[in-house]
Amino acid sequence: MNISFPFHFDAAGRTASASDDDHIRDLIEQLLFTNPGERVNRPDFGSGLLQTVFQPNSNELAAALQFTLQAALQQTLGDRIQLQGLQVTNSDSTLQILVQYLVKGQQQPQLAQFTQEVS
């Protein structure tokens, strides 16, 4: 059973569960929005995306984040997913992250999109 993220209860009052595909997407989201060092027992877990909140939005920031996020995803989730593509684009005060991946053992491509506000 995969626990749904964020943690909540289902209609029956039990811990909500997630399908395998939803669980993988939840893991990607947790990795992206966790700062390295934030988890005591896993200090290398995280991407540093949240550290960009007060940096000026630019093409250079988007390009640097693309490499950083790609490395974090491959290092942390490389045993569960095959990263097909990662695109970080900036628009006004928003970074948009598009992750294309295959869950290992499956052939159907998955797509996850995330947004982060920056200054």
C-alpha atoms as a PDB file:
ATOM      1  CA  MET A   1       0.000   0.000   0.000  1.00  0.00           C
ATOM      2  CA  ASN A   2       1.284   3.447  -0.919  1.00  0.00           C
ATOM      3  CA  ILE A   3       0.384   6.281   1.438  1.00  0.00           C
ATOM      4  CA  SER A   4      -1.056   9.293  -0.363  1.00  0.00           C
ATOM      5  CA  PHE A   5       0.845  12.594  -0.233  1.00  0.00           C
ATOM      6  CA  PRO A   6       0.086  14.904   1.410  1.00  0.00           C
ATOM      7  CA  PHE A   7      -1.045  12.673   4.251  1.00  0.00           C
ATOM      8  CA  HIS A   8      -4.797  12.657   4.743  1.00  0.00           C
ATOM      9  CA  PHE A   9      -7.672  10.330   5.566  1.00  0.00           C
ATOM     10  CA  ASP A  10     -10.054   8.751   3.077  1.00  0.00           C
ATOM     11  CA  ALA A  11     -13.860   8.739   3.308  1.00  0.00           C
ATOM     12  CA  ALA A  12     -13.774   5.687   5.603  1.00  0.00           C
ATOM     13  CA  GLY A  13     -11.463   7.460   8.068  1.00  0.00           C
ATOM     14  CA  ARG A  14      -8.406   5.372   7.158  1.00  0.00           C
ATOM     15  CA  THR A  15      -5.072   6.554   5.871  1.00  0.00           C
ATOM     16  CA  ALA A  16      -5.581   7.471   2.212  1.00  0.00           C
ATOM     17  CA  SER A  17      -3.676   5.347  -0.264  1.00  0.00           C
ATOM     18  CA  ALA A  18      -2.370   6.141  -3.732  1.00  0.00           C
ATOM     19  CA  SER A  19      -1.973   4.081  -6.880  1.00  0.00           C
ATOM     20  CA  ASP A  20       1.555   3.191  -7.964  1.00  0.00           C
ATOM     21  CA  ASP A  21       1.573   5.936 -10.628  1.00  0.00           C
ATOM     22  CA  ASP A  22       0.270   8.553  -8.183  1.00  0.00           C
ATOM     23  CA  HIS A  23       2.824   7.428  -5.609  1.00  0.00           C
ATOM     24  CA  ILE A  24       5.715   7.964  -8.049  1.00  0.00           C
ATOM     25  CA  ARG A  25       4.381  11.450  -8.894  1.00  0.00           C
ATOM     26  CA  ASP A  26       4.132  12.179  -5.148  1.00  0.00           C
ATOM     27  CA  LEU A  27       7.763  11.083  -4.696  1.00  0.00           C
ATOM     28  CA  ILE A  28       8.857  13.448  -7.473  1.00  0.00           C
ATOM     29  CA  GLU A  29       6.942  16.302  -5.854  1.00  0.00           C
ATOM     30  CA  GLN A  30       8.480  15.578  -2.448  1.00  0.00           C
ATOM     31  CA  LEU A  31      11.971  15.518  -3.950  1.00  0.00           C
ATOM     32  CA  LEU A  32      11.490  18.792  -5.822  1.00  0.00           C
ATOM     33  CA  PHE A  33      10.045  20.716  -2.875  1.00  0.00           C
ATOM     34  CA  THR A  34      12.447  19.474  -0.181  1.00  0.00           C
ATOM     35  CA  ASN A  35      15.700  21.315   0.546  1.00  0.00           C
ATOM     36  CA  PRO A  36      18.878  19.237   0.893  1.00  0.00           C
ATOM     37  CA  GLY A  37      19.595  18.749   4.594  1.00  0.00           C
ATOM     38  CA  GLU A  38      15.942  19.161   5.567  1.00  0.00           C
ATOM     39  CA  ARG A  39      15.504  15.459   6.360  1.00  0.00           C
ATOM     40  CA  VAL A  40      17.681  14.345   9.257  1.00  0.00           C
ATOM     41  CA  ASN A  41      18.137  10.735   8.160  1.00  0.00           C
ATOM     42  CA  ARG A  42      18.510  11.611   4.464  1.00  0.00           C
ATOM     43  CA  PRO A  43      20.594  14.804   4.272  1.00  0.00           C
ATOM     44  CA  ASP A  44      21.232  14.376   0.535  1.00  0.00           C
ATOM     45  CA  PHE A  45      17.493  14.139  -0.276  1.00  0.00           C
ATOM     46  CA  GLY A  46      16.087  17.222  -1.991  1.00  0.00           C
ATOM     47  CA  SER A  47      16.633  19.482  -4.956  1.00  0.00           C
ATOM     48  CA  GLY A  48      17.149  23.022  -3.693  1.00  0.00           C
ATOM     49  CA  LEU A  49      14.220  24.347  -5.725  1.00  0.00           C
ATOM     50  CA  LEU A  50      12.767  26.194  -2.733  1.00  0.00           C
ATOM     51  CA  GLN A  51      16.048  28.084  -2.283  1.00  0.00           C
ATOM     52  CA  THR A  52      15.271  29.989  -5.489  1.00  0.00           C
ATOM     53  CA  VAL A  53      12.298  31.845  -4.004  1.00  0.00           C
ATOM     54  CA  PHE A  54      14.238  35.087  -3.511  1.00  0.00           C
ATOM     55  CA  GLN A  55      16.441  34.868  -6.608  1.00  0.00           C
ATOM     56  CA  PRO A  56      15.561  36.949  -9.657  1.00  0.00           C
ATOM     57  CA  ASN A  57      13.802  34.888 -12.285  1.00  0.00           C
ATOM     58  CA  SER A  58      15.878  34.504 -15.439  1.00  0.00           C
ATOM     59  CA  ASN A  59      16.774  32.107 -18.223  1.00  0.00           C
ATOM     60  CA  GLU A  60      20.056  31.390 -16.437  1.00  0.00           C
ATOM     61  CA  LEU A  61      18.218  30.357 -13.258  1.00  0.00           C
ATOM     62  CA  ALA A  62      15.929  28.068 -15.267  1.00  0.00           C
ATOM     63  CA  ALA A  63      18.904  26.451 -17.038  1.00  0.00           C
ATOM     64  CA  ALA A  64      20.850  25.922 -13.797  1.00  0.00           C
ATOM     65  CA  LEU A  65      17.787  24.438 -12.109  1.00  0.00           C
ATOM     66  CA  GLN A  66      17.197  22.105 -15.025  1.00  0.00           C
ATOM     67  CA  PHE A  67      20.613  20.470 -14.491  1.00  0.00           C
ATOM     68  CA  THR A  68      20.245  20.438 -10.696  1.00  0.00           C
ATOM     69  CA  LEU A  69      16.764  18.905 -10.759  1.00  0.00           C
ATOM     70  CA  GLN A  70      17.733  16.338 -13.372  1.00  0.00           C
ATOM     71  CA  ALA A  71      20.686  15.194 -11.243  1.00  0.00           C
ATOM     72  CA  ALA A  72      18.535  15.010  -8.098  1.00  0.00           C
ATOM     73  CA  LEU A  73      15.832  12.975  -9.859  1.00  0.00           C
ATOM     74  CA  GLN A  74      18.309  10.535 -11.379  1.00  0.00           C
ATOM     75  CA  GLN A  75      20.229  10.102  -8.135  1.00  0.00           C
ATOM     76  CA  THR A  76      17.234   9.668  -5.853  1.00  0.00           C
ATOM     77  CA  LEU A  77      14.583   8.041  -8.046  1.00  0.00           C
ATOM     78  CA  GLY A  78      16.749   6.434 -10.727  1.00  0.00           C
ATOM     79  CA  ASP A  79      15.845   2.962  -9.467  1.00  0.00           C
ATOM     80  CA  ARG A  80      12.106   3.667  -9.927  1.00  0.00           C
ATOM     81  CA  ILE A  81      11.884   5.901 -12.992  1.00  0.00           C
ATOM     82  CA  GLN A  82      13.660   6.468 -16.267  1.00  0.00           C
ATOM     83  CA  LEU A  83      13.799  10.211 -16.845  1.00  0.00           C
ATOM     84  CA  GLN A  84      12.780  10.986 -20.431  1.00  0.00           C
ATOM     85  CA  GLY A  85      12.940  14.749 -20.231  1.00  0.00           C
ATOM     86  CA  LEU A  86      12.972  17.683 -17.867  1.00  0.00           C
ATOM     87  CA  GLN A  87      12.113  21.209 -18.868  1.00  0.00           C
ATOM     88  CA  VAL A  88      12.291  24.286 -16.640  1.00  0.00           C
ATOM     89  CA  THR A  89      10.829  27.460 -18.102  1.00  0.00           C
ATOM     90  CA  ASN A  90      10.450  30.897 -16.583  1.00  0.00           C
ATOM     91  CA  SER A  91       7.492  33.171 -17.082  1.00  0.00           C
ATOM     92  CA  ASP A  92       7.166  36.421 -15.141  1.00  0.00           C
ATOM     93  CA  SER A  93       7.597  35.397 -11.495  1.00  0.00           C
ATOM     94  CA  THR A  94       6.955  31.684 -12.025  1.00  0.00           C
ATOM     95  CA  LEU A  95       9.144  28.694 -12.778  1.00  0.00           C
ATOM     96  CA  GLN A  96       7.344  25.849 -14.504  1.00  0.00           C
ATOM     97  CA  ILE A  97       8.843  22.377 -14.235  1.00  0.00           C
ATOM     98  CA  LEU A  98       7.753  19.652 -16.642  1.00  0.00           C
ATOM     99  CA  VAL A  99       8.994  16.127 -15.902  1.00  0.00           C
ATOM    100  CA  GLN A 100       8.585  13.349 -18.474  1.00  0.00           C
ATOM    101  CA  TYR A 101       9.413   9.857 -17.248  1.00  0.00           C
ATOM    102  CA  LEU A 102       8.745   6.142 -17.540  1.00  0.00           C
ATOM    103  CA  VAL A 103       8.043   4.071 -14.466  1.00  0.00           C
ATOM    104  CA  LYS A 104      10.481   1.150 -14.611  1.00  0.00           C
ATOM    105  CA  GLY A 105       8.700  -1.978 -15.763  1.00  0.00           C
ATOM    106  CA  GLN A 106       6.043  -0.006 -17.630  1.00  0.00           C
ATOM    107  CA  GLN A 107       6.017   1.387 -21.139  1.00  0.00           C
ATOM    108  CA  GLN A 108       3.519   4.225 -20.750  1.00  0.00           C
ATOM    109  CA  PRO A 109       5.169   7.655 -20.506  1.00  0.00           C
ATOM    110  CA  GLN A 110       4.129   9.831 -17.576  1.00  0.00           C
ATOM    111  CA  LEU A 111       4.059  13.603 -17.358  1.00  0.00           C
ATOM    112  CA  ALA A 112       4.127  15.714 -14.187  1.00  0.00           C
ATOM    113  CA  GLN A 113       4.007  19.511 -14.040  1.00  0.00           C
ATOM    114  CA  PHE A 114       4.959  21.681 -11.054  1.00  0.00           C
ATOM    115  CA  THR A 115       5.053  25.431 -10.468  1.00  0.00           C
ATOM    116  CA  GLN A 116       7.240  27.537  -8.167  1.00  0.00           C
ATOM    117  CA  GLU A 117       6.897  31.287  -7.551  1.00  0.00           C
ATOM    118  CA  VAL A 118      10.148  33.293  -7.478  1.00  0.00           C
ATOM    119  CA  SER A 119      10.839  36.977  -7.068  1.00  0.00           C
END
